[in-house]
């Protein structure tokens, strides 16, 4: 089973999440991480929306590692099913 980096989709200001994707074999898996989770990982407070892409790229390895763990544990949510990362996912 292969789970690799996909693409950065952008920052959804209304939902306060960064949208990105991962690739499982040949299937794209939609993913999102909350702004709060990224700020927690980064040790930052209220990163401006214009800086979210840079922040995501800086934290990408940690974010994708967590997404891979949730995928392996079948912790998919929503329609279509995807991975949603929250601050709580990074406490362990």
PDB file of N, CA and C in Angstrom:
ATOM      1  N   UNK A   1       0.848  -1.186   0.000  1.00  0.00           N
ATOM      2  CA  UNK A   1       0.000   0.000   0.000  1.00  0.00           C
ATOM      3  C   UNK A   1       0.885   1.238   0.000  1.00  0.00           C
ATOM      4  N   UNK A   2       0.653   2.115  -0.927  1.00  0.00           N
ATOM      5  CA  UNK A   2       1.429   3.335  -1.053  1.00  0.00           C
ATOM      6  C   UNK A   2       0.566   4.538  -0.680  1.00  0.00           C
ATOM      7  N   UNK A   3       1.079   5.391   0.179  1.00  0.00           N
ATOM      8  CA  UNK A   3       0.384   6.616   0.592  1.00  0.00           C
ATOM      9  C   UNK A   3       1.402   7.739   0.472  1.00  0.00           C
ATOM     10  N   UNK A   4       1.228   8.613  -0.510  1.00  0.00           N
ATOM     11  CA  UNK A   4       2.227   9.628  -0.814  1.00  0.00           C
ATOM     12  C   UNK A   4       1.606  11.020  -0.893  1.00  0.00           C
ATOM     13  N   UNK A   5       2.479  12.010  -0.972  1.00  0.00           N
ATOM     14  CA  UNK A   5       2.052  13.401  -1.082  1.00  0.00           C
ATOM     15  C   UNK A   5       1.198  13.626  -2.310  1.00  0.00           C
ATOM     16  N   UNK A   6       0.192  14.448  -2.128  1.00  0.00           N
ATOM     17  CA  UNK A   6      -0.638  14.878  -3.240  1.00  0.00           C
ATOM     18  C   UNK A   6      -0.366  16.347  -3.494  1.00  0.00           C
ATOM     19  N   UNK A   7      -1.427  17.130  -3.492  1.00  0.00           N
ATOM     20  CA  UNK A   7      -1.269  18.549  -3.803  1.00  0.00           C
ATOM     21  C   UNK A   7      -1.817  19.432  -2.690  1.00  0.00           C
ATOM     22  N   UNK A   8      -1.302  20.642  -2.645  1.00  0.00           N
ATOM     23  CA  UNK A   8      -1.834  21.681  -1.776  1.00  0.00           C
ATOM     24  C   UNK A   8      -3.019  22.282  -2.507  1.00  0.00           C
ATOM     25  N   UNK A   9      -4.184  22.343  -1.871  1.00  0.00           N
ATOM     26  CA  UNK A   9      -5.402  22.840  -2.522  1.00  0.00           C
ATOM     27  C   UNK A   9      -5.730  24.281  -2.173  1.00  0.00           C
ATOM     28  N   UNK A  10      -5.276  24.738  -1.007  1.00  0.00           N
ATOM     29  CA  UNK A  10      -5.539  26.117  -0.630  1.00  0.00           C
ATOM     30  C   UNK A  10      -6.087  26.228   0.781  1.00  0.00           C
ATOM     31  N   UNK A  11      -6.289  27.455   1.188  1.00  0.00           N
ATOM     32  CA  UNK A  11      -6.810  27.757   2.512  1.00  0.00           C
ATOM     33  C   UNK A  11      -8.279  28.145   2.393  1.00  0.00           C
ATOM     34  N   UNK A  12      -9.144  27.458   3.109  1.00  0.00           N
ATOM     35  CA  UNK A  12     -10.571  27.771   3.144  1.00  0.00           C
ATOM     36  C   UNK A  12     -10.811  28.629   4.382  1.00  0.00           C
ATOM     37  N   UNK A  13     -10.890  29.921   4.172  1.00  0.00           N
ATOM     38  CA  UNK A  13     -11.011  30.867   5.287  1.00  0.00           C
ATOM     39  C   UNK A  13     -12.324  30.695   6.043  1.00  0.00           C
ATOM     40  N   UNK A  14     -13.396  30.333   5.349  1.00  0.00           N
ATOM     41  CA  UNK A  14     -14.696  30.145   6.003  1.00  0.00           C
ATOM     42  C   UNK A  14     -14.665  28.997   7.007  1.00  0.00           C
ATOM     43  N   UNK A  15     -13.946  27.938   6.683  1.00  0.00           N
ATOM     44  CA  UNK A  15     -13.868  26.764   7.562  1.00  0.00           C
ATOM     45  C   UNK A  15     -12.596  26.742   8.407  1.00  0.00           C
ATOM     46  N   UNK A  16     -11.677  27.673   8.147  1.00  0.00           N
ATOM     47  CA  UNK A  16     -10.381  27.749   8.844  1.00  0.00           C
ATOM     48  C   UNK A  16      -9.599  26.449   8.726  1.00  0.00           C
ATOM     49  N   UNK A  17      -9.516  25.933   7.503  1.00  0.00           N
ATOM     50  CA  UNK A  17      -8.750  24.715   7.239  1.00  0.00           C
ATOM     51  C   UNK A  17      -7.906  24.889   5.977  1.00  0.00           C
ATOM     52  N   UNK A  18      -6.793  24.180   5.959  1.00  0.00           N
ATOM     53  CA  UNK A  18      -5.995  24.068   4.753  1.00  0.00           C
ATOM     54  C   UNK A  18      -6.399  22.762   4.088  1.00  0.00           C
ATOM     55  N   UNK A  19      -6.704  22.837   2.814  1.00  0.00           N
ATOM     56  CA  UNK A  19      -7.106  21.670   2.033  1.00  0.00           C
ATOM     57  C   UNK A  19      -5.904  21.159   1.252  1.00  0.00           C
ATOM     58  N   UNK A  20      -5.720  19.853   1.289  1.00  0.00           N
ATOM     59  CA  UNK A  20      -4.640  19.218   0.547  1.00  0.00           C
ATOM     60  C   UNK A  20      -5.079  17.808   0.199  1.00  0.00           C
ATOM     61  N   UNK A  21      -4.250  17.093  -0.515  1.00  0.00           N
ATOM     62  CA  UNK A  21      -4.608  15.716  -0.843  1.00  0.00           C
ATOM     63  C   UNK A  21      -3.406  14.810  -0.629  1.00  0.00           C
ATOM     64  N   UNK A  22      -3.709  13.538  -0.493  1.00  0.00           N
ATOM     65  CA  UNK A  22      -2.715  12.483  -0.441  1.00  0.00           C
ATOM     66  C   UNK A  22      -3.112  11.486  -1.527  1.00  0.00           C
ATOM     67  N   UNK A  23      -2.168  10.674  -1.944  1.00  0.00           N
ATOM     68  CA  UNK A  23      -2.436   9.679  -2.977  1.00  0.00           C
ATOM     69  C   UNK A  23      -2.261   8.286  -2.372  1.00  0.00           C
ATOM     70  N   UNK A  24      -3.321   7.476  -2.477  1.00  0.00           N
ATOM     71  CA  UNK A  24      -3.267   6.079  -2.045  1.00  0.00           C
ATOM     72  C   UNK A  24      -3.317   5.232  -3.297  1.00  0.00           C
ATOM     73  N   UNK A  25      -2.210   4.543  -3.585  1.00  0.00           N
ATOM     74  CA  UNK A  25      -2.046   3.843  -4.853  1.00  0.00           C
ATOM     75  C   UNK A  25      -2.333   4.838  -5.975  1.00  0.00           C
ATOM     76  N   UNK A  26      -3.430   4.736  -6.681  1.00  0.00           N
ATOM     77  CA  UNK A  26      -3.732   5.702  -7.746  1.00  0.00           C
ATOM     78  C   UNK A  26      -4.925   6.590  -7.417  1.00  0.00           C
ATOM     79  N   UNK A  27      -5.405   6.525  -6.173  1.00  0.00           N
ATOM     80  CA  UNK A  27      -6.596   7.275  -5.776  1.00  0.00           C
ATOM     81  C   UNK A  27      -6.226   8.493  -4.945  1.00  0.00           C
ATOM     82  N   UNK A  28      -6.781   9.635  -5.319  1.00  0.00           N
ATOM     83  CA  UNK A  28      -6.558  10.856  -4.559  1.00  0.00           C
ATOM     84  C   UNK A  28      -7.485  10.870  -3.341  1.00  0.00           C
ATOM     85  N   UNK A  29      -6.924  11.131  -2.171  1.00  0.00           N
ATOM     86  CA  UNK A  29      -7.676  11.182  -0.918  1.00  0.00           C
ATOM     87  C   UNK A  29      -7.742  12.636  -0.460  1.00  0.00           C
ATOM     88  N   UNK A  30      -8.946  13.230  -0.375  1.00  0.00           N
ATOM     89  CA  UNK A  30      -9.052  14.609   0.093  1.00  0.00           C
ATOM     90  C   UNK A  30      -8.707  14.694   1.579  1.00  0.00           C
ATOM     91  N   UNK A  31      -7.970  15.745   1.941  1.00  0.00           N
ATOM     92  CA  UNK A  31      -7.545  15.932   3.326  1.00  0.00           C
ATOM     93  C   UNK A  31      -7.692  17.408   3.712  1.00  0.00           C
ATOM     94  N   UNK A  32      -7.782  17.636   5.016  1.00  0.00           N
ATOM     95  CA  UNK A  32      -7.827  19.001   5.543  1.00  0.00           C
ATOM     96  C   UNK A  32      -7.170  18.998   6.910  1.00  0.00           C
ATOM     97  N   UNK A  33      -6.562  20.128   7.248  1.00  0.00           N
ATOM     98  CA  UNK A  33      -6.010  20.322   8.586  1.00  0.00           C
ATOM     99  C   UNK A  33      -6.494  21.672   9.094  1.00  0.00           C
ATOM    100  N   UNK A  34      -6.917  21.699  10.350  1.00  0.00           N
ATOM    101  CA  UNK A  34      -7.423  22.947  10.919  1.00  0.00           C
ATOM    102  C   UNK A  34      -6.284  23.943  11.140  1.00  0.00           C
ATOM    103  N   UNK A  35      -6.628  25.209  11.072  1.00  0.00           N
ATOM    104  CA  UNK A  35      -5.662  26.270  11.357  1.00  0.00           C
ATOM    105  C   UNK A  35      -5.117  26.123  12.768  1.00  0.00           C
ATOM    106  N   UNK A  36      -5.982  25.755  13.688  1.00  0.00           N
ATOM    107  CA  UNK A  36      -5.581  25.575  15.081  1.00  0.00           C
ATOM    108  C   UNK A  36      -4.514  24.485  15.202  1.00  0.00           C
ATOM    109  N   UNK A  37      -4.691  23.389  14.481  1.00  0.00           N
ATOM    110  CA  UNK A  37      -3.711  22.298  14.513  1.00  0.00           C
ATOM    111  C   UNK A  37      -2.372  22.757  13.941  1.00  0.00           C
ATOM    112  N   UNK A  38      -2.409  23.496  12.847  1.00  0.00           N
ATOM    113  CA  UNK A  38      -1.154  23.966  12.260  1.00  0.00           C
ATOM    114  C   UNK A  38      -0.454  24.947  13.185  1.00  0.00           C
ATOM    115  N   UNK A  39      -1.208  25.851  13.798  1.00  0.00           N
ATOM    116  CA  UNK A  39      -0.596  26.794  14.734  1.00  0.00           C
ATOM    117  C   UNK A  39      -0.007  26.071  15.936  1.00  0.00           C
ATOM    118  N   UNK A  40      -0.679  25.022  16.411  1.00  0.00           N
ATOM    119  CA  UNK A  40      -0.165  24.213  17.517  1.00  0.00           C
ATOM    120  C   UNK A  40       1.172  23.577  17.121  1.00  0.00           C
ATOM    121  N   UNK A  41       1.222  22.961  15.940  1.00  0.00           N
ATOM    122  CA  UNK A  41       2.455  22.328  15.463  1.00  0.00           C
ATOM    123  C   UNK A  41       3.594  23.325  15.299  1.00  0.00           C
ATOM    124  N   UNK A  42       3.235  24.518  14.892  1.00  0.00           N
ATOM    125  CA  UNK A  42       4.211  25.557  14.571  1.00  0.00           C
ATOM    126  C   UNK A  42       4.599  26.401  15.787  1.00  0.00           C
ATOM    127  N   UNK A  43       3.864  26.241  16.893  1.00  0.00           N
ATOM    128  CA  UNK A  43       4.114  27.085  18.054  1.00  0.00           C
ATOM    129  C   UNK A  43       3.738  28.532  17.787  1.00  0.00           C
ATOM    130  N   UNK A  44       2.754  28.731  16.929  1.00  0.00           N
ATOM    131  CA  UNK A  44       2.321  30.074  16.519  1.00  0.00           C
ATOM    132  C   UNK A  44       0.914  30.345  17.028  1.00  0.00           C
ATOM    133  N   UNK A  45       0.512  31.601  16.961  1.00  0.00           N
ATOM    134  CA  UNK A  45      -0.855  31.984  17.303  1.00  0.00           C
ATOM    135  C   UNK A  45      -1.427  32.806  16.158  1.00  0.00           C
ATOM    136  N   UNK A  46      -2.533  32.324  15.626  1.00  0.00           N
ATOM    137  CA  UNK A  46      -3.291  33.052  14.590  1.00  0.00           C
ATOM    138  C   UNK A  46      -2.445  33.505  13.413  1.00  0.00           C
ATOM    139  N   UNK A  47      -1.893  32.550  12.735  1.00  0.00           N
ATOM    140  CA  UNK A  47      -1.134  32.838  11.525  1.00  0.00           C
ATOM    141  C   UNK A  47      -2.068  33.473  10.503  1.00  0.00           C
ATOM    142  N   UNK A  48      -1.647  34.559   9.865  1.00  0.00           N
ATOM    143  CA  UNK A  48      -2.501  35.216   8.863  1.00  0.00           C
ATOM    144  C   UNK A  48      -2.805  34.279   7.686  1.00  0.00           C
ATOM    145  N   UNK A  49      -4.011  34.396   7.117  1.00  0.00           N
ATOM    146  CA  UNK A  49      -4.399  33.545   5.985  1.00  0.00           C
ATOM    147  C   UNK A  49      -3.386  33.541   4.837  1.00  0.00           C
ATOM    148  N   UNK A  50      -2.773  34.678   4.561  1.00  0.00           N
ATOM    149  CA  UNK A  50      -1.824  34.771   3.451  1.00  0.00           C
ATOM    150  C   UNK A  50      -0.558  33.944   3.697  1.00  0.00           C
ATOM    151  N   UNK A  51      -0.332  33.528   4.940  1.00  0.00           N
ATOM    152  CA  UNK A  51       0.870  32.759   5.273  1.00  0.00           C
ATOM    153  C   UNK A  51       0.587  31.271   5.480  1.00  0.00           C
ATOM    154  N   UNK A  52      -0.663  30.836   5.271  1.00  0.00           N
ATOM    155  CA  UNK A  52      -1.018  29.440   5.525  1.00  0.00           C
ATOM    156  C   UNK A  52      -0.320  28.461   4.588  1.00  0.00           C
ATOM    157  N   UNK A  53      -0.154  28.809   3.322  1.00  0.00           N
ATOM    158  CA  UNK A  53       0.518  27.894   2.413  1.00  0.00           C
ATOM    159  C   UNK A  53       1.966  27.682   2.837  1.00  0.00           C
ATOM    160  N   UNK A  54       2.677  28.755   3.162  1.00  0.00           N
ATOM    161  CA  UNK A  54       4.064  28.633   3.623  1.00  0.00           C
ATOM    162  C   UNK A  54       4.136  27.792   4.892  1.00  0.00           C
ATOM    163  N   UNK A  55       3.196  28.017   5.808  1.00  0.00           N
ATOM    164  CA  UNK A  55       3.169  27.258   7.050  1.00  0.00           C
ATOM    165  C   UNK A  55       2.943  25.769   6.755  1.00  0.00           C
ATOM    166  N   UNK A  56       1.993  25.475   5.873  1.00  0.00           N
ATOM    167  CA  UNK A  56       1.726  24.089   5.508  1.00  0.00           C
ATOM    168  C   UNK A  56       2.977  23.429   4.925  1.00  0.00           C
ATOM    169  N   UNK A  57       3.639  24.104   4.013  1.00  0.00           N
ATOM    170  CA  UNK A  57       4.825  23.529   3.372  1.00  0.00           C
ATOM    171  C   UNK A  57       5.921  23.262   4.404  1.00  0.00           C
ATOM    172  N   UNK A  58       6.076  24.144   5.358  1.00  0.00           N
ATOM    173  CA  UNK A  58       7.084  23.984   6.406  1.00  0.00           C
ATOM    174  C   UNK A  58       6.767  22.778   7.294  1.00  0.00           C
ATOM    175  N   UNK A  59       5.487  22.522   7.534  1.00  0.00           N
ATOM    176  CA  UNK A  59       5.043  21.461   8.433  1.00  0.00           C
ATOM    177  C   UNK A  59       4.596  20.201   7.697  1.00  0.00           C
ATOM    178  N   UNK A  60       4.757  20.191   6.402  1.00  0.00           N
ATOM    179  CA  UNK A  60       4.171  19.144   5.552  1.00  0.00           C
ATOM    180  C   UNK A  60       4.512  17.722   5.999  1.00  0.00           C
ATOM    181  N   UNK A  61       5.744  17.453   6.364  1.00  0.00           N
ATOM    182  CA  UNK A  61       6.137  16.088   6.750  1.00  0.00           C
ATOM    183  C   UNK A  61       5.338  15.615   7.961  1.00  0.00           C
ATOM    184  N   UNK A  62       5.199  16.452   8.971  1.00  0.00           N
ATOM    185  CA  UNK A  62       4.429  16.087  10.176  1.00  0.00           C
ATOM    186  C   UNK A  62       2.949  15.928   9.864  1.00  0.00           C
ATOM    187  N   UNK A  63       2.427  16.820   9.039  1.00  0.00           N
ATOM    188  CA  UNK A  63       1.005  16.777   8.677  1.00  0.00           C
ATOM    189  C   UNK A  63       0.707  15.493   7.896  1.00  0.00           C
ATOM    190  N   UNK A  64       1.529  15.195   6.909  1.00  0.00           N
ATOM    191  CA  UNK A  64       1.292  14.015   6.083  1.00  0.00           C
ATOM    192  C   UNK A  64       1.498  12.722   6.864  1.00  0.00           C
ATOM    193  N   UNK A  65       2.408  12.716   7.806  1.00  0.00           N
ATOM    194  CA  UNK A  65       2.611  11.540   8.656  1.00  0.00           C
ATOM    195  C   UNK A  65       1.360  11.256   9.482  1.00  0.00           C
ATOM    196  N   UNK A  66       0.763  12.300  10.031  1.00  0.00           N
ATOM    197  CA  UNK A  66      -0.472  12.149  10.809  1.00  0.00           C
ATOM    198  C   UNK A  66      -1.612  11.692   9.901  1.00  0.00           C
ATOM    199  N   UNK A  67      -1.708  12.258   8.703  1.00  0.00           N
ATOM    200  CA  UNK A  67      -2.753  11.856   7.756  1.00  0.00           C
ATOM    201  C   UNK A  67      -2.598  10.377   7.390  1.00  0.00           C
ATOM    202  N   UNK A  68      -1.372   9.935   7.222  1.00  0.00           N
ATOM    203  CA  UNK A  68      -1.126   8.528   6.885  1.00  0.00           C
ATOM    204  C   UNK A  68      -1.560   7.613   8.031  1.00  0.00           C
ATOM    205  N   UNK A  69      -1.282   8.008   9.281  1.00  0.00           N
ATOM    206  CA  UNK A  69      -1.720   7.206  10.443  1.00  0.00           C
ATOM    207  C   UNK A  69      -3.240   7.099  10.485  1.00  0.00           C
ATOM    208  N   UNK A  70      -3.922   8.230  10.281  1.00  0.00           N
ATOM    209  CA  UNK A  70      -5.391   8.206  10.316  1.00  0.00           C
ATOM    210  C   UNK A  70      -5.946   7.351   9.169  1.00  0.00           C
ATOM    211  N   UNK A  71      -5.326   7.428   8.010  1.00  0.00           N
ATOM    212  CA  UNK A  71      -5.769   6.619   6.876  1.00  0.00           C
ATOM    213  C   UNK A  71      -5.582   5.133   7.181  1.00  0.00           C
ATOM    214  N   UNK A  72      -4.427   4.770   7.723  1.00  0.00           N
ATOM    215  CA  UNK A  72      -4.138   3.368   8.056  1.00  0.00           C
ATOM    216  C   UNK A  72      -5.122   2.825   9.089  1.00  0.00           C
ATOM    217  N   UNK A  73      -5.614   3.709   9.969  1.00  0.00           N
ATOM    218  CA  UNK A  73      -6.591   3.316  10.994  1.00  0.00           C
ATOM    219  C   UNK A  73      -8.033   3.473  10.516  1.00  0.00           C
ATOM    220  N   UNK A  74      -8.204   3.740   9.228  1.00  0.00           N
ATOM    221  CA  UNK A  74      -9.533   3.909   8.617  1.00  0.00           C
ATOM    222  C   UNK A  74     -10.357   4.990   9.304  1.00  0.00           C
ATOM    223  N   UNK A  75      -9.703   6.096   9.673  1.00  0.00           N
ATOM    224  CA  UNK A  75     -10.389   7.215  10.322  1.00  0.00           C
ATOM    225  C   UNK A  75     -10.801   8.254   9.278  1.00  0.00           C
ATOM    226  N   UNK A  76     -11.632   7.822   8.348  1.00  0.00           N
ATOM    227  CA  UNK A  76     -12.112   8.687   7.277  1.00  0.00           C
ATOM    228  C   UNK A  76     -13.413   9.362   7.728  1.00  0.00           C
ATOM    229  N   UNK A  77     -13.631  10.581   7.247  1.00  0.00           N
ATOM    230  CA  UNK A  77     -14.835  11.329   7.593  1.00  0.00           C
ATOM    231  C   UNK A  77     -15.411  11.984   6.349  1.00  0.00           C
ATOM    232  N   UNK A  78     -16.694  12.299   6.406  1.00  0.00           N
ATOM    233  CA  UNK A  78     -17.339  13.107   5.382  1.00  0.00           C
ATOM    234  C   UNK A  78     -17.690  12.366   4.110  1.00  0.00           C
ATOM    235  N   UNK A  79     -18.238  13.141   3.168  1.00  0.00           N
ATOM    236  CA  UNK A  79     -18.617  12.659   1.852  1.00  0.00           C
ATOM    237  C   UNK A  79     -18.094  13.643   0.818  1.00  0.00           C
ATOM    238  N   UNK A  80     -17.200  13.278  -0.048  1.00  0.00           N
ATOM    239  CA  UNK A  80     -16.569  11.966  -0.117  1.00  0.00           C
ATOM    240  C   UNK A  80     -15.654  11.759   1.088  1.00  0.00           C
ATOM    241  N   UNK A  81     -15.397  10.503   1.430  1.00  0.00           N
ATOM    242  CA  UNK A  81     -14.567  10.234   2.596  1.00  0.00           C
ATOM    243  C   UNK A  81     -13.171  10.842   2.454  1.00  0.00           C
ATOM    244  N   UNK A  82     -12.700  11.427   3.534  1.00  0.00           N
ATOM    245  CA  UNK A  82     -11.374  12.038   3.536  1.00  0.00           C
ATOM    246  C   UNK A  82     -10.795  12.054   4.936  1.00  0.00           C
ATOM    247  N   UNK A  83      -9.638  12.646   5.050  1.00  0.00           N
ATOM    248  CA  UNK A  83      -8.935  12.752   6.327  1.00  0.00           C
ATOM    249  C   UNK A  83      -9.049  14.191   6.815  1.00  0.00           C
ATOM    250  N   UNK A  84      -9.466  14.355   8.061  1.00  0.00           N
ATOM    251  CA  UNK A  84      -9.528  15.674   8.685  1.00  0.00           C
ATOM    252  C   UNK A  84      -8.629  15.653   9.914  1.00  0.00           C
ATOM    253  N   UNK A  85      -7.661  16.544   9.930  1.00  0.00           N
ATOM    254  CA  UNK A  85      -6.716  16.618  11.037  1.00  0.00           C
ATOM    255  C   UNK A  85      -7.057  17.800  11.936  1.00  0.00           C
ATOM    256  N   UNK A  86      -7.097  17.511  13.224  1.00  0.00           N
ATOM    257  CA  UNK A  86      -7.396  18.531  14.223  1.00  0.00           C
ATOM    258  C   UNK A  86      -6.253  18.586  15.234  1.00  0.00           C
ATOM    259  N   UNK A  87      -6.228  19.613  16.030  1.00  0.00           N
ATOM    260  CA  UNK A  87      -5.184  19.762  17.044  1.00  0.00           C
ATOM    261  C   UNK A  87      -5.054  18.502  17.894  1.00  0.00           C
ATOM    262  N   UNK A  88      -6.162  17.906  18.273  1.00  0.00           N
ATOM    263  CA  UNK A  88      -6.172  16.702  19.081  1.00  0.00           C
ATOM    264  C   UNK A  88      -5.344  15.572  18.463  1.00  0.00           C
ATOM    265  N   UNK A  89      -5.282  15.514  17.151  1.00  0.00           N
ATOM    266  CA  UNK A  89      -4.530  14.464  16.473  1.00  0.00           C
ATOM    267  C   UNK A  89      -3.023  14.571  16.679  1.00  0.00           C
ATOM    268  N   UNK A  90      -2.554  15.704  17.169  1.00  0.00           N
ATOM    269  CA  UNK A  90      -1.115  15.932  17.324  1.00  0.00           C
ATOM    270  C   UNK A  90      -0.663  15.936  18.781  1.00  0.00           C
ATOM    271  N   UNK A  91      -1.536  15.555  19.699  1.00  0.00           N
ATOM    272  CA  UNK A  91      -1.172  15.542  21.109  1.00  0.00           C
ATOM    273  C   UNK A  91      -0.397  14.313  21.508  1.00  0.00           C
ATOM    274  N   UNK A  92      -0.505  13.239  20.734  1.00  0.00           N
ATOM    275  CA  UNK A  92       0.150  11.996  21.145  1.00  0.00           C
ATOM    276  C   UNK A  92       1.552  11.866  20.597  1.00  0.00           C
TER     277      UNK A  92
END
